[in-house]
Amino acid sequence: MQVVLRKLIRGVDHVNWLCGWFLAALLLVMTVLISWQVFARYVMGNSLTFSEEVARFSMVWLTMLGAAYAYRHGSLIAVDMLAGIAGGRFAKGLRLVIAVASCIFAWVLLKEGLNITERVVTQTAPSIRVSMAWLYASVPAGAAMVLINAFAIIAENFTARKD
């Protein structure tokens, strides 16, 4: 059982590694587009039509996936603070309760995010002319990442040591 749980944890960590690179790419896209927009507006005197919308879409994806990524690494202050205050077995139990509550929240967010994404498929973004489902899909994607990260945290609670 320990071997299976460790493989699960390792698999989730590989997914998070890929997610981290995707987050870095989104941040790069945002930085380039916003810099380009400022240059075009103030130096060239002509604003770009698509850069703000693409940067906004990137920021929403960055926020949703970044929250899941931070959750896995214990970088969310509320989760980390509560577990840090408690000691020993109480902290382990508290981490388990938090992970189960996160699973429930992520499941609801995933289910409702998919419903909302399906509703906006026919709407298009004004300047880049893509379906608004691309923007709204960030909600179920982030929720799915929180869900798998919560499973990894639960698995870590049942392994003898952390990988």
Protein backbone atom coordinates (compact mmCIF):
# COMPACT_ATOMS: atom_id res chain seq x y z
CA MET A 1 0.00 0.00 0.00
CA GLN A 2 2.86 2.36 0.86
CA VAL A 3 4.42 1.80 -2.57
CA VAL A 4 1.16 2.65 -4.37
CA LEU A 5 0.69 5.80 -2.31
CA ARG A 6 4.27 6.92 -2.97
CA LYS A 7 3.79 6.35 -6.72
CA LEU A 8 0.58 8.40 -6.57
CA ILE A 9 2.43 11.20 -4.78
CA ARG A 10 5.26 11.07 -7.31
CA GLY A 11 2.79 11.16 -10.22
CA VAL A 12 1.01 14.18 -8.76
CA ASP A 13 4.36 15.89 -8.25
CA HIS A 14 5.19 15.31 -11.94
CA VAL A 15 1.86 16.87 -12.94
CA ASN A 16 2.65 19.82 -10.68
CA TRP A 17 6.09 20.14 -12.28
CA LEU A 18 4.40 20.47 -15.69
CA CYS A 19 1.88 22.88 -14.21
CA GLY A 20 4.73 24.99 -12.83
CA TRP A 21 6.27 25.32 -16.29
CA PHE A 22 2.87 26.21 -17.75
CA LEU A 23 2.46 28.88 -15.07
CA ALA A 24 5.89 30.27 -15.93
CA ALA A 25 4.92 30.39 -19.61
CA LEU A 26 1.69 32.22 -18.78
CA LEU A 27 3.61 34.74 -16.70
CA LEU A 28 6.01 35.27 -19.60
CA VAL A 29 3.11 35.81 -22.01
CA MET A 30 1.55 38.33 -19.64
CA THR A 31 4.84 40.19 -19.15
CA VAL A 32 5.59 40.41 -22.87
CA LEU A 33 2.06 41.45 -23.84
CA ILE A 34 1.70 44.09 -21.16
CA SER A 35 5.15 45.53 -21.94
CA TRP A 36 4.31 45.53 -25.62
CA GLN A 37 0.98 47.25 -24.89
CA VAL A 38 2.67 50.00 -22.87
CA PHE A 39 5.28 50.53 -25.60
CA ALA A 40 2.65 50.60 -28.36
CA ARG A 41 0.40 53.00 -26.49
CA TYR A 42 2.93 55.54 -25.23
CA VAL A 43 5.78 55.33 -27.74
CA MET A 44 4.00 54.41 -30.95
CA GLY A 45 0.79 56.24 -30.08
CA ASN A 46 -1.39 53.32 -31.16
CA SER A 47 -2.89 50.84 -28.71
CA LEU A 48 -3.05 47.10 -29.46
CA THR A 49 -6.50 45.58 -29.66
CA PHE A 50 -5.86 42.09 -28.33
CA SER A 51 -3.12 42.33 -25.71
CA GLU A 52 -5.24 43.32 -22.73
CA GLU A 53 -7.70 40.51 -23.31
CA VAL A 54 -5.02 37.84 -23.76
CA ALA A 55 -3.23 39.12 -20.66
CA ARG A 56 -6.50 38.99 -18.71
CA PHE A 57 -7.18 35.42 -19.86
CA SER A 58 -3.63 34.47 -18.89
CA MET A 59 -4.03 36.04 -15.46
CA VAL A 60 -7.22 34.10 -14.76
CA TRP A 61 -5.53 30.82 -15.75
CA LEU A 62 -2.46 31.77 -13.73
CA THR A 63 -4.60 32.45 -10.66
CA MET A 64 -6.63 29.25 -10.82
CA LEU A 65 -3.73 26.91 -11.54
CA GLY A 66 -1.35 28.86 -9.31
CA ALA A 67 -3.65 28.43 -6.31
CA ALA A 68 -3.64 24.66 -6.82
CA TYR A 69 0.14 24.66 -7.26
CA ALA A 70 0.61 26.71 -4.08
CA TYR A 71 -1.76 24.41 -2.19
CA ARG A 72 0.35 21.37 -3.03
CA HIS A 73 3.53 23.05 -1.84
CA GLY A 74 1.95 24.34 1.39
CA SER A 75 2.29 27.96 0.31
CA LEU A 76 -1.25 29.02 1.18
CA ILE A 77 -0.94 30.88 4.45
CA ALA A 78 -4.18 29.75 6.08
CA VAL A 79 -3.52 26.06 5.47
CA ASP A 80 0.13 26.31 6.46
CA MET A 81 -0.53 28.46 9.52
CA LEU A 82 -3.14 26.15 11.07
CA ALA A 83 -0.97 23.07 10.61
CA GLY A 84 2.08 24.94 11.91
CA ILE A 85 0.38 26.02 15.14
CA ALA A 86 -0.74 22.50 16.02
CA GLY A 87 1.81 19.93 17.02
CA GLY A 88 2.35 16.22 16.42
CA ARG A 89 -0.66 14.00 15.83
CA PHE A 90 -3.08 16.92 16.03
CA ALA A 91 -1.29 18.63 13.12
CA LYS A 92 -1.44 15.41 11.07
CA GLY A 93 -5.16 15.07 11.76
CA LEU A 94 -5.72 18.73 11.00
CA ARG A 95 -3.91 18.38 7.64
CA LEU A 96 -6.14 15.41 6.84
CA VAL A 97 -9.34 17.32 7.73
CA ILE A 98 -8.18 20.31 5.65
CA ALA A 99 -7.37 18.03 2.69
CA VAL A 100 -10.79 16.32 2.87
CA ALA A 101 -12.54 19.72 3.08
CA SER A 102 -10.45 20.86 0.10
CA CYS A 103 -11.56 17.78 -1.84
CA ILE A 104 -15.20 18.56 -1.18
CA PHE A 105 -14.76 22.21 -2.17
CA ALA A 106 -12.78 21.28 -5.29
CA TRP A 107 -15.42 18.73 -6.33
CA VAL A 108 -18.21 21.32 -6.08
CA LEU A 109 -16.06 23.89 -7.92
CA LEU A 110 -15.23 21.34 -10.63
CA LYS A 111 -18.86 20.35 -11.13
CA GLU A 112 -20.19 23.92 -11.21
CA GLY A 113 -17.23 25.15 -13.26
CA LEU A 114 -18.00 22.59 -15.94
CA ASN A 115 -21.66 23.68 -15.94
CA ILE A 116 -20.72 27.34 -16.39
CA THR A 117 -18.14 26.50 -19.05
CA GLU A 118 -20.76 24.60 -21.05
CA ARG A 119 -23.13 27.57 -20.88
CA VAL A 120 -20.66 30.08 -22.35
CA VAL A 121 -19.40 27.99 -25.28
CA THR A 122 -21.36 30.09 -27.78
CA GLN A 123 -20.11 33.44 -26.45
CA THR A 124 -16.97 34.91 -27.94
CA ALA A 125 -14.39 37.28 -26.53
CA PRO A 126 -14.71 40.72 -28.15
CA SER A 127 -11.21 41.32 -29.47
CA ILE A 128 -9.60 37.89 -29.94
CA ARG A 129 -12.77 36.14 -31.11
CA VAL A 130 -12.33 32.87 -29.25
CA SER A 131 -14.96 31.12 -27.21
CA MET A 132 -15.37 32.36 -23.65
CA ALA A 133 -15.26 28.69 -22.67
CA TRP A 134 -11.46 28.98 -22.87
CA LEU A 135 -11.56 31.53 -20.06
CA TYR A 136 -14.15 29.74 -17.95
CA ALA A 137 -12.38 26.39 -18.36
CA SER A 138 -9.76 27.69 -15.95
CA VAL A 139 -12.20 27.14 -13.07
CA PRO A 140 -12.65 23.37 -13.54
CA ALA A 141 -8.97 22.99 -14.48
CA GLY A 142 -7.88 24.67 -11.25
CA ALA A 143 -10.42 22.66 -9.27
CA ALA A 144 -9.16 19.41 -10.80
CA MET A 145 -5.61 20.36 -9.82
CA VAL A 146 -6.71 21.14 -6.26
CA LEU A 147 -8.50 17.79 -6.15
CA ILE A 148 -5.48 15.74 -7.25
CA ASN A 149 -3.20 17.75 -4.96
CA ALA A 150 -5.54 17.13 -2.03
CA PHE A 151 -5.44 13.40 -2.82
CA ALA A 152 -1.64 13.57 -2.74
CA ILE A 153 -1.72 15.34 0.62
CA ILE A 154 -4.10 12.69 1.98
CA ALA A 155 -1.78 9.98 0.63
CA GLU A 156 1.19 11.67 2.34
CA ASN A 157 -0.68 11.44 5.64
CA PHE A 158 -0.81 7.65 5.26
CA THR A 159 2.80 7.12 4.23
CA ALA A 160 5.56 6.72 6.77
CA ARG A 161 7.65 9.52 5.25
CA LYS A 162 7.20 12.30 2.70
CA ASP A 163 8.88 11.95 -0.71
